[in-house]
Amino acid sequence: MKGDHEGDPTGLIYEAYRIEGITGPDCRTIFFDWAMGVPAGRDQRALVESLIAHYAPDHPDHPMTEVLREGLETPPPRRRGARRTRTD
């Protein structure tokens, strides 16, 4: 595991907190990438809550903390299934 949290195995959120001068839009892009990588069937809301509990106490004013909190208010992106082809 690259990050320091089981909900962030690739370390995207972990690294965002370490980028000096990172902006809100940068964090939104990173969050979107993270959300798209969450395996189907995992509870994204619970993962976001867990990430907030893990990072926010040490980084209350960080743009990623704000984005994670916004992620609780906004439905996560949904994956689209494989394209179906008509067979008739």
PDB file of N, CA and C in Angstrom:
ATOM      1  N   MET A   1       0.845  -1.170   0.000  1.00  0.00           N
ATOM      2  CA  MET A   1       0.000   0.000   0.000  1.00  0.00           C
ATOM      3  C   MET A   1       0.897   1.241   0.000  1.00  0.00           C
ATOM      4  N   LYS A   2       0.607   2.158  -0.905  1.00  0.00           N
ATOM      5  CA  LYS A   2       1.443   3.347  -1.046  1.00  0.00           C
ATOM      6  C   LYS A   2       1.109   4.422  -0.007  1.00  0.00           C
ATOM      7  N   GLY A   3      -0.181   4.602   0.289  1.00  0.00           N
ATOM      8  CA  GLY A   3      -0.576   5.642   1.236  1.00  0.00           C
ATOM      9  C   GLY A   3      -0.500   5.149   2.663  1.00  0.00           C
ATOM     10  N   ASP A   4      -1.004   5.975   3.572  1.00  0.00           N
ATOM     11  CA  ASP A   4      -0.987   5.577   4.972  1.00  0.00           C
ATOM     12  C   ASP A   4      -2.396   5.318   5.505  1.00  0.00           C
ATOM     13  N   HIS A   5      -3.319   5.001   4.587  1.00  0.00           N
ATOM     14  CA  HIS A   5      -4.704   4.734   4.958  1.00  0.00           C
ATOM     15  C   HIS A   5      -5.247   3.652   4.041  1.00  0.00           C
ATOM     16  N   GLU A   6      -5.973   2.691   4.617  1.00  0.00           N
ATOM     17  CA  GLU A   6      -6.467   1.580   3.804  1.00  0.00           C
ATOM     18  C   GLU A   6      -7.463   2.024   2.732  1.00  0.00           C
ATOM     19  N   GLY A   7      -8.098   3.169   2.913  1.00  0.00           N
ATOM     20  CA  GLY A   7      -9.041   3.681   1.926  1.00  0.00           C
ATOM     21  C   GLY A   7      -8.374   4.425   0.783  1.00  0.00           C
ATOM     22  N   ASP A   8      -7.064   4.507   0.825  1.00  0.00           N
ATOM     23  CA  ASP A   8      -6.291   5.237  -0.189  1.00  0.00           C
ATOM     24  C   ASP A   8      -5.072   4.407  -0.587  1.00  0.00           C
ATOM     25  N   PRO A   9      -5.307   3.214  -1.129  1.00  0.00           N
ATOM     26  CA  PRO A   9      -4.184   2.304  -1.388  1.00  0.00           C
ATOM     27  C   PRO A   9      -3.162   2.815  -2.398  1.00  0.00           C
ATOM     28  N   THR A  10      -3.565   3.692  -3.304  1.00  0.00           N
ATOM     29  CA  THR A  10      -2.611   4.220  -4.280  1.00  0.00           C
ATOM     30  C   THR A  10      -1.915   5.482  -3.777  1.00  0.00           C
ATOM     31  N   GLY A  11      -2.384   6.021  -2.648  1.00  0.00           N
ATOM     32  CA  GLY A  11      -1.734   7.179  -2.049  1.00  0.00           C
ATOM     33  C   GLY A  11      -2.102   8.517  -2.656  1.00  0.00           C
ATOM     34  N   LEU A  12      -3.172   8.592  -3.440  1.00  0.00           N
ATOM     35  CA  LEU A  12      -3.540   9.871  -4.059  1.00  0.00           C
ATOM     36  C   LEU A  12      -3.853  10.938  -3.008  1.00  0.00           C
ATOM     37  N   ILE A  13      -4.678  10.586  -2.039  1.00  0.00           N
ATOM     38  CA  ILE A  13      -5.052  11.555  -1.011  1.00  0.00           C
ATOM     39  C   ILE A  13      -3.837  11.873  -0.134  1.00  0.00           C
ATOM     40  N   TYR A  14      -3.112  10.840   0.223  1.00  0.00           N
ATOM     41  CA  TYR A  14      -1.887  10.990   1.021  1.00  0.00           C
ATOM     42  C   TYR A  14      -0.934  12.003   0.375  1.00  0.00           C
ATOM     43  N   GLU A  15      -0.684  11.839  -0.904  1.00  0.00           N
ATOM     44  CA  GLU A  15       0.239  12.736  -1.616  1.00  0.00           C
ATOM     45  C   GLU A  15      -0.319  14.152  -1.727  1.00  0.00           C
ATOM     46  N   ALA A  16      -1.636  14.287  -1.891  1.00  0.00           N
ATOM     47  CA  ALA A  16      -2.237  15.620  -2.003  1.00  0.00           C
ATOM     48  C   ALA A  16      -1.944  16.446  -0.761  1.00  0.00           C
ATOM     49  N   TYR A  17      -1.978  15.804   0.389  1.00  0.00           N
ATOM     50  CA  TYR A  17      -1.693  16.522   1.631  1.00  0.00           C
ATOM     51  C   TYR A  17      -0.226  16.934   1.742  1.00  0.00           C
ATOM     52  N   ARG A  18       0.617  16.395   0.923  1.00  0.00           N
ATOM     53  CA  ARG A  18       2.039  16.705   1.000  1.00  0.00           C
ATOM     54  C   ARG A  18       2.520  17.672  -0.081  1.00  0.00           C
ATOM     55  N   ILE A  19       1.641  18.043  -0.979  1.00  0.00           N
ATOM     56  CA  ILE A  19       2.014  18.957  -2.059  1.00  0.00           C
ATOM     57  C   ILE A  19       1.873  20.397  -1.557  1.00  0.00           C
ATOM     58  N   GLU A  20       2.974  21.073  -1.460  1.00  0.00           N
ATOM     59  CA  GLU A  20       2.962  22.454  -0.997  1.00  0.00           C
ATOM     60  C   GLU A  20       2.300  23.340  -2.048  1.00  0.00           C
ATOM     61  N   GLY A  21       1.403  24.199  -1.610  1.00  0.00           N
ATOM     62  CA  GLY A  21       0.745  25.139  -2.508  1.00  0.00           C
ATOM     63  C   GLY A  21      -0.370  24.547  -3.344  1.00  0.00           C
ATOM     64  N   ILE A  22      -0.803  23.338  -3.039  1.00  0.00           N
ATOM     65  CA  ILE A  22      -1.875  22.714  -3.813  1.00  0.00           C
ATOM     66  C   ILE A  22      -3.153  23.540  -3.666  1.00  0.00           C
ATOM     67  N   THR A  23      -3.943  23.591  -4.718  1.00  0.00           N
ATOM     68  CA  THR A  23      -5.161  24.408  -4.730  1.00  0.00           C
ATOM     69  C   THR A  23      -6.404  23.523  -4.637  1.00  0.00           C
ATOM     70  N   GLY A  24      -7.530  24.166  -4.372  1.00  0.00           N
ATOM     71  CA  GLY A  24      -8.804  23.458  -4.333  1.00  0.00           C
ATOM     72  C   GLY A  24      -9.106  22.723  -5.636  1.00  0.00           C
ATOM     73  N   PRO A  25      -8.958  23.386  -6.794  1.00  0.00           N
ATOM     74  CA  PRO A  25      -9.208  22.666  -8.050  1.00  0.00           C
ATOM     75  C   PRO A  25      -8.280  21.460  -8.237  1.00  0.00           C
ATOM     76  N   ASP A  26      -7.024  21.595  -7.827  1.00  0.00           N
ATOM     77  CA  ASP A  26      -6.107  20.450  -7.902  1.00  0.00           C
ATOM     78  C   ASP A  26      -6.637  19.307  -7.035  1.00  0.00           C
ATOM     79  N   CYS A  27      -7.090  19.650  -5.838  1.00  0.00           N
ATOM     80  CA  CYS A  27      -7.597  18.632  -4.919  1.00  0.00           C
ATOM     81  C   CYS A  27      -8.867  17.976  -5.459  1.00  0.00           C
ATOM     82  N   ARG A  28      -9.712  18.749  -6.119  1.00  0.00           N
ATOM     83  CA  ARG A  28     -10.920  18.171  -6.708  1.00  0.00           C
ATOM     84  C   ARG A  28     -10.565  17.147  -7.783  1.00  0.00           C
ATOM     85  N   THR A  29      -9.566  17.458  -8.580  1.00  0.00           N
ATOM     86  CA  THR A  29      -9.125  16.517  -9.615  1.00  0.00           C
ATOM     87  C   THR A  29      -8.581  15.248  -8.977  1.00  0.00           C
ATOM     88  N   ILE A  30      -7.787  15.398  -7.950  1.00  0.00           N
ATOM     89  CA  ILE A  30      -7.232  14.237  -7.254  1.00  0.00           C
ATOM     90  C   ILE A  30      -8.356  13.430  -6.615  1.00  0.00           C
ATOM     91  N   PHE A  31      -9.318  14.110  -5.997  1.00  0.00           N
ATOM     92  CA  PHE A  31     -10.446  13.406  -5.375  1.00  0.00           C
ATOM     93  C   PHE A  31     -11.235  12.622  -6.417  1.00  0.00           C
ATOM     94  N   PHE A  32     -11.482  13.231  -7.556  1.00  0.00           N
ATOM     95  CA  PHE A  32     -12.218  12.542  -8.626  1.00  0.00           C
ATOM     96  C   PHE A  32     -11.454  11.291  -9.064  1.00  0.00           C
ATOM     97  N   ASP A  33     -10.155  11.409  -9.253  1.00  0.00           N
ATOM     98  CA  ASP A  33      -9.339  10.243  -9.616  1.00  0.00           C
ATOM     99  C   ASP A  33      -9.424   9.163  -8.538  1.00  0.00           C
ATOM    100  N   TRP A  34      -9.350   9.572  -7.287  1.00  0.00           N
ATOM    101  CA  TRP A  34      -9.464   8.620  -6.181  1.00  0.00           C
ATOM    102  C   TRP A  34     -10.823   7.920  -6.220  1.00  0.00           C
ATOM    103  N   ALA A  35     -11.896   8.717  -6.363  1.00  0.00           N
ATOM    104  CA  ALA A  35     -13.253   8.167  -6.354  1.00  0.00           C
ATOM    105  C   ALA A  35     -13.463   7.177  -7.491  1.00  0.00           C
ATOM    106  N   MET A  36     -12.899   7.471  -8.649  1.00  0.00           N
ATOM    107  CA  MET A  36     -13.056   6.553  -9.789  1.00  0.00           C
ATOM    108  C   MET A  36     -12.289   5.249  -9.570  1.00  0.00           C
ATOM    109  N   GLY A  37     -11.303   5.277  -8.689  1.00  0.00           N
ATOM    110  CA  GLY A  37     -10.515   4.077  -8.420  1.00  0.00           C
ATOM    111  C   GLY A  37     -11.046   3.216  -7.290  1.00  0.00           C
ATOM    112  N   VAL A  38     -12.084   3.687  -6.600  1.00  0.00           N
ATOM    113  CA  VAL A  38     -12.659   2.893  -5.508  1.00  0.00           C
ATOM    114  C   VAL A  38     -13.353   1.680  -6.125  1.00  0.00           C
ATOM    115  N   PRO A  39     -13.009   0.491  -5.663  1.00  0.00           N
ATOM    116  CA  PRO A  39     -13.614  -0.706  -6.229  1.00  0.00           C
ATOM    117  C   PRO A  39     -15.141  -0.705  -6.083  1.00  0.00           C
ATOM    118  N   ALA A  40     -15.810  -1.248  -7.073  1.00  0.00           N
ATOM    119  CA  ALA A  40     -17.265  -1.374  -7.027  1.00  0.00           C
ATOM    120  C   ALA A  40     -17.653  -2.137  -5.768  1.00  0.00           C
ATOM    121  N   GLY A  41     -18.709  -1.700  -5.160  1.00  0.00           N
ATOM    122  CA  GLY A  41     -19.183  -2.366  -3.960  1.00  0.00           C
ATOM    123  C   GLY A  41     -18.661  -1.762  -2.668  1.00  0.00           C
ATOM    124  N   ARG A  42     -17.615  -0.947  -2.743  1.00  0.00           N
ATOM    125  CA  ARG A  42     -17.101  -0.276  -1.538  1.00  0.00           C
ATOM    126  C   ARG A  42     -17.966   0.942  -1.249  1.00  0.00           C
ATOM    127  N   ASP A  43     -18.154   1.250  -0.017  1.00  0.00           N
ATOM    128  CA  ASP A  43     -18.952   2.393   0.411  1.00  0.00           C
ATOM    129  C   ASP A  43     -18.071   3.644   0.374  1.00  0.00           C
ATOM    130  N   GLN A  44     -18.197   4.415  -0.713  1.00  0.00           N
ATOM    131  CA  GLN A  44     -17.356   5.602  -0.863  1.00  0.00           C
ATOM    132  C   GLN A  44     -17.588   6.604   0.257  1.00  0.00           C
ATOM    133  N   ARG A  45     -18.824   6.763   0.668  1.00  0.00           N
ATOM    134  CA  ARG A  45     -19.110   7.722   1.747  1.00  0.00           C
ATOM    135  C   ARG A  45     -18.361   7.332   3.018  1.00  0.00           C
ATOM    136  N   ALA A  46     -18.391   6.066   3.372  1.00  0.00           N
ATOM    137  CA  ALA A  46     -17.688   5.604   4.577  1.00  0.00           C
ATOM    138  C   ALA A  46     -16.186   5.809   4.431  1.00  0.00           C
ATOM    139  N   LEU A  47     -15.659   5.588   3.237  1.00  0.00           N
ATOM    140  CA  LEU A  47     -14.231   5.803   3.011  1.00  0.00           C
ATOM    141  C   LEU A  47     -13.865   7.279   3.163  1.00  0.00           C
ATOM    142  N   VAL A  48     -14.701   8.158   2.614  1.00  0.00           N
ATOM    143  CA  VAL A  48     -14.439   9.598   2.728  1.00  0.00           C
ATOM    144  C   VAL A  48     -14.499  10.019   4.197  1.00  0.00           C
ATOM    145  N   GLU A  49     -15.495   9.536   4.921  1.00  0.00           N
ATOM    146  CA  GLU A  49     -15.582   9.856   6.344  1.00  0.00           C
ATOM    147  C   GLU A  49     -14.326   9.394   7.087  1.00  0.00           C
ATOM    148  N   SER A  50     -13.843   8.229   6.727  1.00  0.00           N
ATOM    149  CA  SER A  50     -12.643   7.687   7.359  1.00  0.00           C
ATOM    150  C   SER A  50     -11.401   8.512   7.001  1.00  0.00           C
ATOM    151  N   LEU A  51     -11.320   8.967   5.757  1.00  0.00           N
ATOM    152  CA  LEU A  51     -10.197   9.809   5.344  1.00  0.00           C
ATOM    153  C   LEU A  51     -10.223  11.146   6.079  1.00  0.00           C
ATOM    154  N   ILE A  52     -11.405  11.712   6.248  1.00  0.00           N
ATOM    155  CA  ILE A  52     -11.530  12.969   6.990  1.00  0.00           C
ATOM    156  C   ILE A  52     -11.070  12.768   8.437  1.00  0.00           C
ATOM    157  N   ALA A  53     -11.532  11.691   9.048  1.00  0.00           N
ATOM    158  CA  ALA A  53     -11.141  11.418  10.438  1.00  0.00           C
ATOM    159  C   ALA A  53      -9.631  11.234  10.558  1.00  0.00           C
ATOM    160  N   HIS A  54      -9.017  10.696   9.525  1.00  0.00           N
ATOM    161  CA  HIS A  54      -7.582  10.428   9.540  1.00  0.00           C
ATOM    162  C   HIS A  54      -6.746  11.696   9.301  1.00  0.00           C
ATOM    163  N   TYR A  55      -7.129  12.500   8.314  1.00  0.00           N
ATOM    164  CA  TYR A  55      -6.303  13.639   7.898  1.00  0.00           C
ATOM    165  C   TYR A  55      -6.723  14.991   8.480  1.00  0.00           C
ATOM    166  N   ALA A  56      -8.017  15.237   8.648  1.00  0.00           N
ATOM    167  CA  ALA A  56      -8.492  16.572   9.033  1.00  0.00           C
ATOM    168  C   ALA A  56      -7.950  17.070  10.373  1.00  0.00           C
ATOM    169  N   PRO A  57      -7.793  16.220  11.392  1.00  0.00           N
ATOM    170  CA  PRO A  57      -7.283  16.758  12.654  1.00  0.00           C
ATOM    171  C   PRO A  57      -5.916  17.447  12.521  1.00  0.00           C
ATOM    172  N   ASP A  58      -5.054  16.932  11.683  1.00  0.00           N
ATOM    173  CA  ASP A  58      -3.729  17.533  11.491  1.00  0.00           C
ATOM    174  C   ASP A  58      -3.701  18.582  10.389  1.00  0.00           C
ATOM    175  N   HIS A  59      -4.753  18.620   9.553  1.00  0.00           N
ATOM    176  CA  HIS A  59      -4.778  19.529   8.394  1.00  0.00           C
ATOM    177  C   HIS A  59      -6.171  20.159   8.242  1.00  0.00           C
ATOM    178  N   PRO A  60      -6.669  20.851   9.270  1.00  0.00           N
ATOM    179  CA  PRO A  60      -8.048  21.347   9.211  1.00  0.00           C
ATOM    180  C   PRO A  60      -8.295  22.389   8.123  1.00  0.00           C
ATOM    181  N   ASP A  61      -7.270  23.136   7.727  1.00  0.00           N
ATOM    182  CA  ASP A  61      -7.449  24.203   6.735  1.00  0.00           C
ATOM    183  C   ASP A  61      -6.897  23.843   5.353  1.00  0.00           C
ATOM    184  N   HIS A  62      -6.553  22.594   5.158  1.00  0.00           N
ATOM    185  CA  HIS A  62      -5.987  22.164   3.875  1.00  0.00           C
ATOM    186  C   HIS A  62      -7.099  22.066   2.830  1.00  0.00           C
ATOM    187  N   PRO A  63      -6.811  22.436   1.587  1.00  0.00           N
ATOM    188  CA  PRO A  63      -7.836  22.347   0.541  1.00  0.00           C
ATOM    189  C   PRO A  63      -8.378  20.923   0.351  1.00  0.00           C
ATOM    190  N   MET A  64      -7.559  19.904   0.582  1.00  0.00           N
ATOM    191  CA  MET A  64      -8.064  18.538   0.421  1.00  0.00           C
ATOM    192  C   MET A  64      -9.085  18.203   1.502  1.00  0.00           C
ATOM    193  N   THR A  65      -8.904  18.736   2.698  1.00  0.00           N
ATOM    194  CA  THR A  65      -9.892  18.522   3.759  1.00  0.00           C
ATOM    195  C   THR A  65     -11.229  19.118   3.338  1.00  0.00           C
ATOM    196  N   GLU A  66     -11.183  20.303   2.762  1.00  0.00           N
ATOM    197  CA  GLU A  66     -12.408  20.943   2.274  1.00  0.00           C
ATOM    198  C   GLU A  66     -13.053  20.102   1.177  1.00  0.00           C
ATOM    199  N   VAL A  67     -12.261  19.607   0.253  1.00  0.00           N
ATOM    200  CA  VAL A  67     -12.788  18.792  -0.845  1.00  0.00           C
ATOM    201  C   VAL A  67     -13.392  17.493  -0.310  1.00  0.00           C
ATOM    202  N   LEU A  68     -12.730  16.871   0.652  1.00  0.00           N
ATOM    203  CA  LEU A  68     -13.281  15.645   1.233  1.00  0.00           C
ATOM    204  C   LEU A  68     -14.627  15.932   1.899  1.00  0.00           C
ATOM    205  N   ARG A  69     -14.709  17.035   2.605  1.00  0.00           N
ATOM    206  CA  ARG A  69     -15.993  17.394   3.226  1.00  0.00           C
ATOM    207  C   ARG A  69     -17.062  17.663   2.173  1.00  0.00           C
ATOM    208  N   GLU A  70     -16.675  18.325   1.095  1.00  0.00           N
ATOM    209  CA  GLU A  70     -17.617  18.551  -0.009  1.00  0.00           C
ATOM    210  C   GLU A  70     -18.062  17.215  -0.600  1.00  0.00           C
ATOM    211  N   GLY A  71     -17.154  16.247  -0.603  1.00  0.00           N
ATOM    212  CA  GLY A  71     -17.473  14.927  -1.141  1.00  0.00           C
ATOM    213  C   GLY A  71     -18.567  14.221  -0.369  1.00  0.00           C
ATOM    214  N   LEU A  72     -18.759  14.592   0.879  1.00  0.00           N
ATOM    215  CA  LEU A  72     -19.861  14.018   1.662  1.00  0.00           C
ATOM    216  C   LEU A  72     -21.195  14.644   1.280  1.00  0.00           C
ATOM    217  N   GLU A  73     -21.148  15.866   0.754  1.00  0.00           N
ATOM    218  CA  GLU A  73     -22.363  16.577   0.378  1.00  0.00           C
ATOM    219  C   GLU A  73     -22.792  16.280  -1.048  1.00  0.00           C
ATOM    220  N   THR A  74     -21.853  15.883  -1.872  1.00  0.00           N
ATOM    221  CA  THR A  74     -22.095  15.655  -3.292  1.00  0.00           C
ATOM    222  C   THR A  74     -22.058  14.163  -3.571  1.00  0.00           C
ATOM    223  N   PRO A  75     -23.026  13.650  -4.313  1.00  0.00           N
ATOM    224  CA  PRO A  75     -22.963  12.225  -4.642  1.00  0.00           C
ATOM    225  C   PRO A  75     -21.676  11.901  -5.394  1.00  0.00           C
ATOM    226  N   PRO A  76     -21.064  10.769  -5.092  1.00  0.00           N
ATOM    227  CA  PRO A  76     -19.825  10.400  -5.778  1.00  0.00           C
ATOM    228  C   PRO A  76     -20.084  10.105  -7.248  1.00  0.00           C
ATOM    229  N   PRO A  77     -19.054  10.208  -8.076  1.00  0.00           N
ATOM    230  CA  PRO A  77     -19.241   9.870  -9.485  1.00  0.00           C
ATOM    231  C   PRO A  77     -19.613   8.408  -9.609  1.00  0.00           C
ATOM    232  N   ARG A  78     -20.470   8.133 -10.555  1.00  0.00           N
ATOM    233  CA  ARG A  78     -20.873   6.741 -10.780  1.00  0.00           C
ATOM    234  C   ARG A  78     -20.164   6.190 -11.988  1.00  0.00           C
ATOM    235  N   ARG A  79     -19.770   4.974 -11.843  1.00  0.00           N
ATOM    236  CA  ARG A  79     -19.157   4.290 -12.984  1.00  0.00           C
ATOM    237  C   ARG A  79     -20.235   3.825 -13.922  1.00  0.00           C
ATOM    238  N   ARG A  80     -19.945   3.893 -15.138  1.00  0.00           N
ATOM    239  CA  ARG A  80     -20.874   3.361 -16.122  1.00  0.00           C
ATOM    240  C   ARG A  80     -20.430   1.944 -16.437  1.00  0.00           C
ATOM    241  N   GLY A  81     -21.411   1.107 -16.621  1.00  0.00           N
ATOM    242  CA  GLY A  81     -21.104  -0.285 -16.940  1.00  0.00           C
ATOM    243  C   GLY A  81     -20.592  -0.429 -18.357  1.00  0.00           C
ATOM    244  N   ALA A  82     -20.250  -1.632 -18.687  1.00  0.00           N
ATOM    245  CA  ALA A  82     -19.783  -1.912 -20.043  1.00  0.00           C
ATOM    246  C   ALA A  82     -20.891  -1.602 -21.031  1.00  0.00           C
ATOM    247  N   ARG A  83     -20.525  -1.191 -22.169  1.00  0.00           N
ATOM    248  CA  ARG A  83     -21.497  -0.890 -23.199  1.00  0.00           C
ATOM    249  C   ARG A  83     -22.188  -2.138 -23.675  1.00  0.00           C
ATOM    250  N   ARG A  84     -23.472  -2.052 -23.784  1.00  0.00           N
ATOM    251  CA  ARG A  84     -24.220  -3.203 -24.294  1.00  0.00           C
ATOM    252  C   ARG A  84     -24.423  -3.024 -25.783  1.00  0.00           C
ATOM    253  N   THR A  85     -24.348  -4.108 -26.487  1.00  0.00           N
ATOM    254  CA  THR A  85     -24.625  -4.068 -27.917  1.00  0.00           C
ATOM    255  C   THR A  85     -25.914  -4.810 -28.163  1.00  0.00           C
ATOM    256  N   ARG A  86     -26.656  -4.324 -29.102  1.00  0.00           N
ATOM    257  CA  ARG A  86     -27.922  -4.985 -29.440  1.00  0.00           C
ATOM    258  C   ARG A  86     -27.626  -6.232 -30.249  1.00  0.00           C
ATOM    259  N   THR A  87     -28.348  -7.240 -29.935  1.00  0.00           N
ATOM    260  CA  THR A  87     -28.143  -8.502 -30.664  1.00  0.00           C
ATOM    261  C   THR A  87     -29.372  -8.920 -31.443  1.00  0.00           C
ATOM    262  N   ASP A  88     -30.329  -8.000 -31.654  1.00  0.00           N
ATOM    263  CA  ASP A  88     -31.514  -8.410 -32.406  1.00  0.00           C
ATOM    264  C   ASP A  88     -31.462  -8.002 -33.826  1.00  0.00           C
TER     265      ASP A  88
END
